[in-house]
Amino acid sequence: MIDELNENTTNEDTLEIIVYKNNGKLSGISIKNNDTQISIDKTYNENDLEYKINLTDSNYIIFKYSGLNNNQNITENCEIVINLKPNTQYQEQNSSEENTTNNRENVQYKYIYTNNVTFVDQVQIEDLTSQNTVVLNELEEEANKSFMQAVSDRIVLVNKDQMEELGIQPEENPLIEMVAGPLLRAMIYVNASNAINNSQNEMSNLEIETFNNKFEVYAGTQLSGATVKGLLSTIFINNETADKESQIKEINFGGEEYEATDENIRALQDSCDVNLNYKAEFEKDEETGRIYRVVINQK
């Protein structure tokens, strides 16, 4: 790996990797590339184990586990410190509107999490079965994409709500700046921006098409029970994350009408037989064009 890095390093680049050992055991690694440096330090004794990840600009993460020799209880602690500089691009766009933006100082965020783990002699674990799980490998490609998009939408919404509770603007989101990749960062920023720029009750044609598409990918006459479970999961996640106007209201399953509540959706998932085929159809609201009703029948 080092040889390969050296081959790809130009004369203008500097790459330094240092490995630390303590009493013959690995205790730390430091990697420096130009102005970027990451180091991982490990300290431990009979009862405690600690990892500290130091990042550029004095950002760091600490994981600490205490009471390792206790057979019943272990305490785990996580501390994250993030130092943010004002967003230069955002400042330039808004400097004409509010000059004070350019004068903002660096901001530090600190997250501390503690969890006490208690071990017991016996625990009952429910087996994973075809009745309580959806196997992504068994879903058709478009259904799989729709399901993963629903999961992403949920992540975006939870992150947005938590940042709003802290009074943090989308472009200042510290978790995005620190750990998110470019795709997730863009996705969260775009979703947050859309929420700000668009009213809750108005959707463009593209938004309506995107909304409907995550359900219509399941349209068909030979859907397996596993695929129908995926459709119901998509409805569940959509109704959990969407505003009232964008929720699926009704599900007709086998000729019976159900309100699309969490309880009813779970019950319908349990009643799906993975060995049978189903047909899924969708009805749209005449005024908005959005799907509001799903019809599922056994073939």
C-alpha atoms as a PDB file:
ATOM      1  CA  MET A   1       0.000   0.000   0.000  1.00  0.00           C
ATOM      2  CA  ILE A   2       2.833   2.417   0.872  1.00  0.00           C
ATOM      3  CA  ASP A   3       4.600   1.632  -2.407  1.00  0.00           C
ATOM      4  CA  GLU A   4       1.426   2.356  -4.351  1.00  0.00           C
ATOM      5  CA  LEU A   5       0.926   5.660  -2.511  1.00  0.00           C
ATOM      6  CA  ASN A   6       4.500   6.666  -3.252  1.00  0.00           C
ATOM      7  CA  GLU A   7       4.003   5.974  -6.954  1.00  0.00           C
ATOM      8  CA  ASN A   8       0.923   8.191  -7.044  1.00  0.00           C
ATOM      9  CA  THR A   9       2.459  11.006  -5.000  1.00  0.00           C
ATOM     10  CA  THR A  10       3.856  13.978  -6.901  1.00  0.00           C
ATOM     11  CA  ASN A  11       6.868  16.006  -5.863  1.00  0.00           C
ATOM     12  CA  GLU A  12       4.535  18.681  -4.529  1.00  0.00           C
ATOM     13  CA  ASP A  13       2.772  16.236  -2.205  1.00  0.00           C
ATOM     14  CA  THR A  14       4.000  15.063   1.159  1.00  0.00           C
ATOM     15  CA  LEU A  15       2.747  11.817   2.645  1.00  0.00           C
ATOM     16  CA  GLU A  16       3.798  10.599   6.080  1.00  0.00           C
ATOM     17  CA  ILE A  17       2.618   7.458   7.882  1.00  0.00           C
ATOM     18  CA  ILE A  18       3.791   6.757  11.432  1.00  0.00           C
ATOM     19  CA  VAL A  19       2.985   3.642  13.467  1.00  0.00           C
ATOM     20  CA  TYR A  20       3.421   3.755  17.253  1.00  0.00           C
ATOM     21  CA  LYS A  21       3.952   0.748  19.508  1.00  0.00           C
ATOM     22  CA  ASN A  22       3.819   0.418  23.266  1.00  0.00           C
ATOM     23  CA  ASN A  23       5.398  -2.665  24.848  1.00  0.00           C
ATOM     24  CA  GLY A  24       5.339  -4.348  21.459  1.00  0.00           C
ATOM     25  CA  LYS A  25       1.662  -3.652  20.831  1.00  0.00           C
ATOM     26  CA  LEU A  26       0.097  -1.206  18.371  1.00  0.00           C
ATOM     27  CA  SER A  27      -0.857   1.995  20.184  1.00  0.00           C
ATOM     28  CA  GLY A  28      -1.352   4.564  17.452  1.00  0.00           C
ATOM     29  CA  ILE A  29      -1.270   5.475  13.775  1.00  0.00           C
ATOM     30  CA  SER A  30      -0.709   8.896  12.230  1.00  0.00           C
ATOM     31  CA  ILE A  31      -1.336   9.684   8.557  1.00  0.00           C
ATOM     32  CA  LYS A  32      -0.444  13.086   7.144  1.00  0.00           C
ATOM     33  CA  ASN A  33      -1.009  14.192   3.562  1.00  0.00           C
ATOM     34  CA  ASN A  34      -0.017  17.798   2.881  1.00  0.00           C
ATOM     35  CA  ASP A  35      -2.118  19.877   5.307  1.00  0.00           C
ATOM     36  CA  THR A  36      -4.492  17.061   6.278  1.00  0.00           C
ATOM     37  CA  GLN A  37      -3.662  14.848   9.236  1.00  0.00           C
ATOM     38  CA  ILE A  38      -5.525  12.019  10.948  1.00  0.00           C
ATOM     39  CA  SER A  39      -4.218  10.134  13.964  1.00  0.00           C
ATOM     40  CA  ILE A  40      -5.673   7.252  15.963  1.00  0.00           C
ATOM     41  CA  ASP A  41      -4.403   6.735  19.508  1.00  0.00           C
ATOM     42  CA  LYS A  42      -5.164   3.729  21.679  1.00  0.00           C
ATOM     43  CA  THR A  43      -4.693   3.610  25.458  1.00  0.00           C
ATOM     44  CA  TYR A  44      -5.700   0.709  27.623  1.00  0.00           C
ATOM     45  CA  ASN A  45      -5.256  -0.965  30.962  1.00  0.00           C
ATOM     46  CA  GLU A  46      -6.882  -3.828  32.785  1.00  0.00           C
ATOM     47  CA  ASN A  47     -10.290  -2.129  33.046  1.00  0.00           C
ATOM     48  CA  ASP A  48     -10.357   0.636  30.438  1.00  0.00           C
ATOM     49  CA  LEU A  49      -9.940   0.933  26.695  1.00  0.00           C
ATOM     50  CA  GLU A  50      -9.876   4.260  24.836  1.00  0.00           C
ATOM     51  CA  TYR A  51      -9.583   5.221  21.184  1.00  0.00           C
ATOM     52  CA  LYS A  52      -9.053   8.844  20.198  1.00  0.00           C
ATOM     53  CA  ILE A  53      -9.320   9.894  16.566  1.00  0.00           C
ATOM     54  CA  ASN A  54      -7.746  13.289  15.938  1.00  0.00           C
ATOM     55  CA  LEU A  55      -8.760  15.072  12.749  1.00  0.00           C
ATOM     56  CA  THR A  56      -7.674  18.274  11.063  1.00  0.00           C
ATOM     57  CA  ASP A  57      -8.578  21.623  12.684  1.00  0.00           C
ATOM     58  CA  SER A  58      -8.656  20.199  16.245  1.00  0.00           C
ATOM     59  CA  ASN A  59     -11.667  17.977  15.571  1.00  0.00           C
ATOM     60  CA  TYR A  60     -11.651  14.681  17.428  1.00  0.00           C
ATOM     61  CA  ILE A  61     -13.706  11.637  18.436  1.00  0.00           C
ATOM     62  CA  ILE A  62     -13.144   9.633  21.617  1.00  0.00           C
ATOM     63  CA  PHE A  63     -14.545   6.166  22.292  1.00  0.00           C
ATOM     64  CA  LYS A  64     -13.975   4.900  25.830  1.00  0.00           C
ATOM     65  CA  TYR A  65     -15.036   1.631  27.469  1.00  0.00           C
ATOM     66  CA  SER A  66     -14.826   1.222  31.237  1.00  0.00           C
ATOM     67  CA  GLY A  67     -15.319  -1.782  33.490  1.00  0.00           C
ATOM     68  CA  LEU A  68     -14.038  -4.382  31.044  1.00  0.00           C
ATOM     69  CA  ASN A  69     -13.318  -6.823  33.868  1.00  0.00           C
ATOM     70  CA  ASN A  70     -16.849  -6.512  35.209  1.00  0.00           C
ATOM     71  CA  ASN A  71     -18.901  -9.486  34.068  1.00  0.00           C
ATOM     72  CA  GLN A  72     -22.198  -7.643  34.469  1.00  0.00           C
ATOM     73  CA  ASN A  73     -21.718  -3.982  33.482  1.00  0.00           C
ATOM     74  CA  ILE A  74     -19.668  -1.983  31.011  1.00  0.00           C
ATOM     75  CA  THR A  75     -19.892   1.766  30.428  1.00  0.00           C
ATOM     76  CA  GLU A  76     -19.246   3.134  26.956  1.00  0.00           C
ATOM     77  CA  ASN A  77     -18.672   6.839  26.332  1.00  0.00           C
ATOM     78  CA  CYS A  78     -18.440   8.736  23.076  1.00  0.00           C
ATOM     79  CA  GLU A  79     -17.319  12.348  22.759  1.00  0.00           C
ATOM     80  CA  ILE A  80     -17.270  14.241  19.459  1.00  0.00           C
ATOM     81  CA  VAL A  81     -15.832  17.743  19.112  1.00  0.00           C
ATOM     82  CA  ILE A  82     -16.281  19.626  15.851  1.00  0.00           C
ATOM     83  CA  ASN A  83     -14.843  23.047  15.101  1.00  0.00           C
ATOM     84  CA  LEU A  84     -16.476  24.827  12.173  1.00  0.00           C
ATOM     85  CA  LYS A  85     -15.291  27.787  10.219  1.00  0.00           C
ATOM     86  CA  PRO A  86     -17.851  30.109   8.563  1.00  0.00           C
ATOM     87  CA  ASN A  87     -18.955  28.782   5.189  1.00  0.00           C
ATOM     88  CA  THR A  88     -17.120  31.026   2.693  1.00  0.00           C
ATOM     89  CA  GLN A  89     -19.334  30.186  -0.276  1.00  0.00           C
ATOM     90  CA  TYR A  90     -22.492  30.810   1.727  1.00  0.00           C
ATOM     91  CA  GLN A  91     -21.104  34.126   2.974  1.00  0.00           C
ATOM     92  CA  GLU A  92     -20.395  35.382  -0.533  1.00  0.00           C
ATOM     93  CA  GLN A  93     -23.910  34.560  -1.697  1.00  0.00           C
ATOM     94  CA  ASN A  94     -25.486  36.370   1.221  1.00  0.00           C
ATOM     95  CA  SER A  95     -22.984  39.170   1.883  1.00  0.00           C
ATOM     96  CA  SER A  96     -25.123  41.749   0.095  1.00  0.00           C
ATOM     97  CA  GLU A  97     -28.121  40.850   2.260  1.00  0.00           C
ATOM     98  CA  GLU A  98     -26.437  40.657   5.627  1.00  0.00           C
ATOM     99  CA  ASN A  99     -22.889  41.875   6.096  1.00  0.00           C
ATOM    100  CA  THR A 100     -22.705  40.498   9.618  1.00  0.00           C
ATOM    101  CA  THR A 101     -22.532  36.985   8.152  1.00  0.00           C
ATOM    102  CA  ASN A 102     -18.943  37.610   7.105  1.00  0.00           C
ATOM    103  CA  ASN A 103     -17.999  38.432  10.680  1.00  0.00           C
ATOM    104  CA  ARG A 104     -19.148  35.185  12.236  1.00  0.00           C
ATOM    105  CA  GLU A 105     -16.549  33.492  14.405  1.00  0.00           C
ATOM    106  CA  ASN A 106     -15.615  29.824  14.442  1.00  0.00           C
ATOM    107  CA  VAL A 107     -18.135  27.607  16.206  1.00  0.00           C
ATOM    108  CA  GLN A 108     -17.443  24.485  18.254  1.00  0.00           C
ATOM    109  CA  TYR A 109     -19.974  21.696  18.732  1.00  0.00           C
ATOM    110  CA  LYS A 110     -19.529  19.012  21.360  1.00  0.00           C
ATOM    111  CA  TYR A 111     -21.572  15.805  21.504  1.00  0.00           C
ATOM    112  CA  ILE A 112     -21.321  13.501  24.528  1.00  0.00           C
ATOM    113  CA  TYR A 113     -23.004  10.115  24.656  1.00  0.00           C
ATOM    114  CA  THR A 114     -22.927   7.627  27.550  1.00  0.00           C
ATOM    115  CA  ASN A 115     -24.405   4.152  27.580  1.00  0.00           C
ATOM    116  CA  ASN A 116     -24.403   1.641  30.415  1.00  0.00           C
ATOM    117  CA  VAL A 117     -24.473  -1.931  29.151  1.00  0.00           C
ATOM    118  CA  THR A 118     -25.792  -4.602  31.506  1.00  0.00           C
ATOM    119  CA  PHE A 119     -25.286  -8.261  30.662  1.00  0.00           C
ATOM    120  CA  VAL A 120     -27.783 -10.926  31.701  1.00  0.00           C
ATOM    121  CA  ASP A 121     -27.498 -14.685  31.764  1.00  0.00           C
ATOM    122  CA  GLN A 122     -30.348 -15.350  29.364  1.00  0.00           C
ATOM    123  CA  VAL A 123     -32.001 -13.369  26.594  1.00  0.00           C
ATOM    124  CA  GLN A 124     -34.662 -14.288  24.069  1.00  0.00           C
ATOM    125  CA  ILE A 125     -34.013 -13.251  20.480  1.00  0.00           C
ATOM    126  CA  GLU A 126     -36.664 -13.521  17.809  1.00  0.00           C
ATOM    127  CA  ASP A 127     -35.499 -15.384  14.719  1.00  0.00           C
ATOM    128  CA  LEU A 128     -35.467 -13.558  11.398  1.00  0.00           C
ATOM    129  CA  THR A 129     -38.136 -15.069   9.175  1.00  0.00           C
ATOM    130  CA  SER A 130     -39.842 -14.284   5.888  1.00  0.00           C
ATOM    131  CA  GLN A 131     -42.730 -12.872   7.915  1.00  0.00           C
ATOM    132  CA  ASN A 132     -40.811 -10.166   9.789  1.00  0.00           C
ATOM    133  CA  THR A 133     -38.103  -9.192   7.295  1.00  0.00           C
ATOM    134  CA  VAL A 134     -37.633  -7.933   3.769  1.00  0.00           C
ATOM    135  CA  VAL A 135     -34.629  -9.434   1.956  1.00  0.00           C
ATOM    136  CA  LEU A 136     -33.231  -6.712  -0.293  1.00  0.00           C
ATOM    137  CA  ASN A 137     -31.574  -9.271  -2.586  1.00  0.00           C
ATOM    138  CA  GLU A 138     -35.016 -10.693  -3.380  1.00  0.00           C
ATOM    139  CA  LEU A 139     -36.475  -7.328  -4.443  1.00  0.00           C
ATOM    140  CA  GLU A 140     -36.513  -6.209  -8.036  1.00  0.00           C
ATOM    141  CA  GLU A 141     -33.962  -3.532  -8.882  1.00  0.00           C
ATOM    142  CA  GLU A 142     -36.396  -0.620  -9.047  1.00  0.00           C
ATOM    143  CA  ALA A 143     -38.151  -1.705  -5.850  1.00  0.00           C
ATOM    144  CA  ASN A 144     -34.773  -1.931  -4.135  1.00  0.00           C
ATOM    145  CA  LYS A 145     -33.866   1.580  -5.262  1.00  0.00           C
ATOM    146  CA  SER A 146     -37.196   2.876  -4.021  1.00  0.00           C
ATOM    147  CA  PHE A 147     -36.742   1.248  -0.627  1.00  0.00           C
ATOM    148  CA  MET A 148     -33.217   2.627  -0.204  1.00  0.00           C
ATOM    149  CA  GLN A 149     -34.450   6.065  -1.257  1.00  0.00           C
ATOM    150  CA  ALA A 150     -37.126   5.862   1.450  1.00  0.00           C
ATOM    151  CA  VAL A 151     -34.431   5.005   3.995  1.00  0.00           C
ATOM    152  CA  SER A 152     -32.344   7.961   2.791  1.00  0.00           C
ATOM    153  CA  ASP A 153     -35.365  10.254   3.056  1.00  0.00           C
ATOM    154  CA  ARG A 154     -35.825   9.138   6.652  1.00  0.00           C
ATOM    155  CA  ILE A 155     -32.168   9.856   7.489  1.00  0.00           C
ATOM    156  CA  VAL A 156     -32.449  13.296   5.908  1.00  0.00           C
ATOM    157  CA  LEU A 157     -35.627  14.141   7.824  1.00  0.00           C
ATOM    158  CA  VAL A 158     -34.322  13.015  11.228  1.00  0.00           C
ATOM    159  CA  ASN A 159     -31.073  14.879  10.674  1.00  0.00           C
ATOM    160  CA  LYS A 160     -32.945  18.012   9.589  1.00  0.00           C
ATOM    161  CA  ASP A 161     -35.272  17.927  12.620  1.00  0.00           C
ATOM    162  CA  GLN A 162     -32.383  17.474  15.039  1.00  0.00           C
ATOM    163  CA  MET A 163     -30.407  20.330  13.506  1.00  0.00           C
ATOM    164  CA  GLU A 164     -33.476  22.596  13.662  1.00  0.00           C
ATOM    165  CA  GLU A 165     -33.880  21.794  17.369  1.00  0.00           C
ATOM    166  CA  LEU A 166     -30.292  22.981  17.873  1.00  0.00           C
ATOM    167  CA  GLY A 167     -30.874  26.105  15.775  1.00  0.00           C
ATOM    168  CA  ILE A 168     -28.353  25.035  13.119  1.00  0.00           C
ATOM    169  CA  GLN A 169     -28.826  26.052   9.480  1.00  0.00           C
ATOM    170  CA  PRO A 170     -28.502  23.368   6.746  1.00  0.00           C
ATOM    171  CA  GLU A 171     -25.198  24.723   5.441  1.00  0.00           C
ATOM    172  CA  GLU A 172     -23.792  24.677   9.001  1.00  0.00           C
ATOM    173  CA  ASN A 173     -24.633  21.033   9.739  1.00  0.00           C
ATOM    174  CA  PRO A 174     -21.513  19.805  11.593  1.00  0.00           C
ATOM    175  CA  LEU A 175     -22.082  16.112  10.987  1.00  0.00           C
ATOM    176  CA  ILE A 176     -22.256  16.679   7.242  1.00  0.00           C
ATOM    177  CA  GLU A 177     -19.076  18.729   7.292  1.00  0.00           C
ATOM    178  CA  MET A 178     -17.222  16.145   9.353  1.00  0.00           C
ATOM    179  CA  VAL A 179     -18.253  12.685   8.267  1.00  0.00           C
ATOM    180  CA  ALA A 180     -20.688  12.722   5.337  1.00  0.00           C
ATOM    181  CA  GLY A 181     -19.552  11.899   1.832  1.00  0.00           C
ATOM    182  CA  PRO A 182     -20.219  14.264  -1.078  1.00  0.00           C
ATOM    183  CA  LEU A 183     -23.371  12.416  -2.187  1.00  0.00           C
ATOM    184  CA  LEU A 184     -25.014  12.376   1.253  1.00  0.00           C
ATOM    185  CA  ARG A 185     -23.922  15.955   1.874  1.00  0.00           C
ATOM    186  CA  ALA A 186     -25.516  17.120  -1.375  1.00  0.00           C
ATOM    187  CA  MET A 187     -28.645  15.056  -0.737  1.00  0.00           C
ATOM    188  CA  ILE A 188     -29.185  16.475   2.747  1.00  0.00           C
ATOM    189  CA  TYR A 189     -28.452  20.035   1.622  1.00  0.00           C
ATOM    190  CA  VAL A 190     -30.786  19.810  -1.378  1.00  0.00           C
ATOM    191  CA  ASN A 191     -33.590  18.315   0.711  1.00  0.00           C
ATOM    192  CA  ALA A 192     -33.158  20.957   3.388  1.00  0.00           C
ATOM    193  CA  SER A 193     -33.064  23.734   0.794  1.00  0.00           C
ATOM    194  CA  ASN A 194     -36.191  22.421  -0.908  1.00  0.00           C
ATOM    195  CA  ALA A 195     -37.991  22.375   2.426  1.00  0.00           C
ATOM    196  CA  ILE A 196     -37.126  26.030   2.902  1.00  0.00           C
ATOM    197  CA  ASN A 197     -37.844  27.236  -0.621  1.00  0.00           C
ATOM    198  CA  ASN A 198     -41.076  25.330  -1.258  1.00  0.00           C
ATOM    199  CA  SER A 199     -44.303  25.591   0.694  1.00  0.00           C
ATOM    200  CA  GLN A 200     -45.576  22.414   2.303  1.00  0.00           C
ATOM    201  CA  ASN A 201     -48.762  22.319   0.230  1.00  0.00           C
ATOM    202  CA  GLU A 202     -47.250  22.968  -3.206  1.00  0.00           C
ATOM    203  CA  MET A 203     -45.322  20.456  -5.274  1.00  0.00           C
ATOM    204  CA  SER A 204     -43.866  20.962  -8.717  1.00  0.00           C
ATOM    205  CA  ASN A 205     -44.578  18.466 -11.490  1.00  0.00           C
ATOM    206  CA  LEU A 206     -41.110  16.992 -10.996  1.00  0.00           C
ATOM    207  CA  GLU A 207     -41.698  16.566  -7.275  1.00  0.00           C
ATOM    208  CA  ILE A 208     -45.048  14.880  -7.897  1.00  0.00           C
ATOM    209  CA  GLU A 209     -43.446  12.584 -10.451  1.00  0.00           C
ATOM    210  CA  THR A 210     -40.643  11.714  -8.040  1.00  0.00           C
ATOM    211  CA  PHE A 211     -43.124  11.104  -5.233  1.00  0.00           C
ATOM    212  CA  ASN A 212     -45.311   8.818  -7.360  1.00  0.00           C
ATOM    213  CA  ASN A 213     -42.367   6.962  -8.867  1.00  0.00           C
ATOM    214  CA  LYS A 214     -41.198   5.480  -5.566  1.00  0.00           C
ATOM    215  CA  PHE A 215     -44.529   3.625  -5.430  1.00  0.00           C
ATOM    216  CA  GLU A 216     -45.147   3.014  -9.130  1.00  0.00           C
ATOM    217  CA  VAL A 217     -41.939   0.998  -9.450  1.00  0.00           C
ATOM    218  CA  TYR A 218     -43.905  -1.716  -7.652  1.00  0.00           C
ATOM    219  CA  ALA A 219     -46.736  -1.698 -10.214  1.00  0.00           C
ATOM    220  CA  GLY A 220     -47.149  -5.113 -11.781  1.00  0.00           C
ATOM    221  CA  THR A 221     -49.141  -8.288 -11.975  1.00  0.00           C
ATOM    222  CA  GLN A 222     -46.528 -10.812 -10.798  1.00  0.00           C
ATOM    223  CA  LEU A 223     -45.144  -9.330  -7.582  1.00  0.00           C
ATOM    224  CA  SER A 224     -43.723 -11.765  -5.055  1.00  0.00           C
ATOM    225  CA  GLY A 225     -44.801 -11.578  -1.438  1.00  0.00           C
ATOM    226  CA  ALA A 226     -41.326 -10.258  -0.542  1.00  0.00           C
ATOM    227  CA  THR A 227     -41.723  -7.431  -3.060  1.00  0.00           C
ATOM    228  CA  VAL A 228     -45.143  -6.536  -1.626  1.00  0.00           C
ATOM    229  CA  LYS A 229     -43.537  -6.383   1.823  1.00  0.00           C
ATOM    230  CA  GLY A 230     -41.056  -3.908   0.318  1.00  0.00           C
ATOM    231  CA  LEU A 231     -43.929  -1.809  -1.057  1.00  0.00           C
ATOM    232  CA  LEU A 232     -45.608  -1.742   2.358  1.00  0.00           C
ATOM    233  CA  SER A 233     -42.288  -0.753   3.965  1.00  0.00           C
ATOM    234  CA  THR A 234     -41.986   2.109   1.479  1.00  0.00           C
ATOM    235  CA  ILE A 235     -45.504   3.273   2.403  1.00  0.00           C
ATOM    236  CA  PHE A 236     -44.671   2.999   6.116  1.00  0.00           C
ATOM    237  CA  ILE A 237     -41.472   5.062   5.804  1.00  0.00           C
ATOM    238  CA  ASN A 238     -43.163   7.628   3.537  1.00  0.00           C
ATOM    239  CA  ASN A 239     -46.006   8.180   6.002  1.00  0.00           C
ATOM    240  CA  GLU A 240     -43.529   8.486   8.871  1.00  0.00           C
ATOM    241  CA  THR A 241     -41.484  11.169   7.113  1.00  0.00           C
ATOM    242  CA  ALA A 242     -43.906  13.049   4.855  1.00  0.00           C
ATOM    243  CA  ASP A 243     -46.330  15.825   5.708  1.00  0.00           C
ATOM    244  CA  LYS A 244     -50.026  14.967   5.907  1.00  0.00           C
ATOM    245  CA  GLU A 245     -50.732  15.977   2.306  1.00  0.00           C
ATOM    246  CA  SER A 246     -48.070  13.586   0.977  1.00  0.00           C
ATOM    247  CA  GLN A 247     -49.090  10.479   2.893  1.00  0.00           C
ATOM    248  CA  ILE A 248     -50.717   7.353   1.493  1.00  0.00           C
ATOM    249  CA  LYS A 249     -54.216   7.388   2.948  1.00  0.00           C
ATOM    250  CA  GLU A 250     -55.735   4.010   2.054  1.00  0.00           C
ATOM    251  CA  ILE A 251     -54.647   0.462   1.281  1.00  0.00           C
ATOM    252  CA  ASN A 252     -57.037  -2.014  -0.328  1.00  0.00           C
ATOM    253  CA  PHE A 253     -55.616  -5.465   0.374  1.00  0.00           C
ATOM    254  CA  GLY A 254     -57.461  -8.507  -0.948  1.00  0.00           C
ATOM    255  CA  GLY A 255     -60.685  -6.539  -1.352  1.00  0.00           C
ATOM    256  CA  GLU A 256     -60.611  -5.159   2.198  1.00  0.00           C
ATOM    257  CA  GLU A 257     -60.152  -1.441   2.899  1.00  0.00           C
ATOM    258  CA  TYR A 258     -57.545  -0.351   5.481  1.00  0.00           C
ATOM    259  CA  GLU A 259     -56.449   3.037   6.695  1.00  0.00           C
ATOM    260  CA  ALA A 260     -52.690   3.339   6.115  1.00  0.00           C
ATOM    261  CA  THR A 261     -51.746   3.428   9.807  1.00  0.00           C
ATOM    262  CA  ASP A 262     -48.534   1.968  11.219  1.00  0.00           C
ATOM    263  CA  GLU A 263     -50.467  -0.820  12.914  1.00  0.00           C
ATOM    264  CA  ASN A 264     -52.392  -1.782   9.785  1.00  0.00           C
ATOM    265  CA  ILE A 265     -49.285  -1.730   7.588  1.00  0.00           C
ATOM    266  CA  ARG A 266     -47.428  -4.074   9.961  1.00  0.00           C
ATOM    267  CA  ALA A 267     -50.437  -6.408  10.051  1.00  0.00           C
ATOM    268  CA  LEU A 268     -50.610  -6.493   6.254  1.00  0.00           C
ATOM    269  CA  GLN A 269     -46.896  -7.275   6.044  1.00  0.00           C
ATOM    270  CA  ASP A 270     -47.427 -10.218   8.367  1.00  0.00           C
ATOM    271  CA  SER A 271     -50.273 -11.483   6.190  1.00  0.00           C
ATOM    272  CA  CYS A 272     -48.224 -11.438   2.975  1.00  0.00           C
ATOM    273  CA  ASP A 273     -47.312 -14.930   1.783  1.00  0.00           C
ATOM    274  CA  VAL A 274     -43.870 -14.973   0.162  1.00  0.00           C
ATOM    275  CA  ASN A 275     -44.888 -18.035  -1.850  1.00  0.00           C
ATOM    276  CA  LEU A 276     -47.737 -16.204  -3.631  1.00  0.00           C
ATOM    277  CA  ASN A 277     -47.830 -13.573  -6.352  1.00  0.00           C
ATOM    278  CA  TYR A 278     -49.712 -10.282  -6.105  1.00  0.00           C
ATOM    279  CA  LYS A 279     -50.861  -7.409  -8.289  1.00  0.00           C
ATOM    280  CA  ALA A 280     -50.364  -3.776  -7.192  1.00  0.00           C
ATOM    281  CA  GLU A 281     -52.245  -0.774  -8.576  1.00  0.00           C
ATOM    282  CA  PHE A 282     -52.296   2.888  -7.554  1.00  0.00           C
ATOM    283  CA  GLU A 283     -54.901   5.646  -7.536  1.00  0.00           C
ATOM    284  CA  LYS A 284     -54.059   9.354  -7.754  1.00  0.00           C
ATOM    285  CA  ASP A 285     -55.802  12.376  -6.324  1.00  0.00           C
ATOM    286  CA  GLU A 286     -57.603  14.221  -9.126  1.00  0.00           C
ATOM    287  CA  GLU A 287     -56.519  17.652  -7.903  1.00  0.00           C
ATOM    288  CA  THR A 288     -52.894  17.103  -6.890  1.00  0.00           C
ATOM    289  CA  GLY A 289     -51.946  14.127  -9.057  1.00  0.00           C
ATOM    290  CA  ARG A 290     -50.312  12.405  -6.102  1.00  0.00           C
ATOM    291  CA  ILE A 291     -50.885   8.754  -5.261  1.00  0.00           C
ATOM    292  CA  TYR A 292     -53.096   8.421  -2.214  1.00  0.00           C
ATOM    293  CA  ARG A 293     -54.473   4.859  -2.467  1.00  0.00           C
ATOM    294  CA  VAL A 294     -52.862   1.471  -3.096  1.00  0.00           C
ATOM    295  CA  VAL A 295     -54.708  -1.651  -4.245  1.00  0.00           C
ATOM    296  CA  ILE A 296     -53.050  -5.047  -3.696  1.00  0.00           C
ATOM    297  CA  ASN A 297     -54.686  -8.309  -4.764  1.00  0.00           C
ATOM    298  CA  GLN A 298     -53.531 -11.890  -4.867  1.00  0.00           C
ATOM    299  CA  LYS A 299     -52.957 -13.317  -8.350  1.00  0.00           C
END
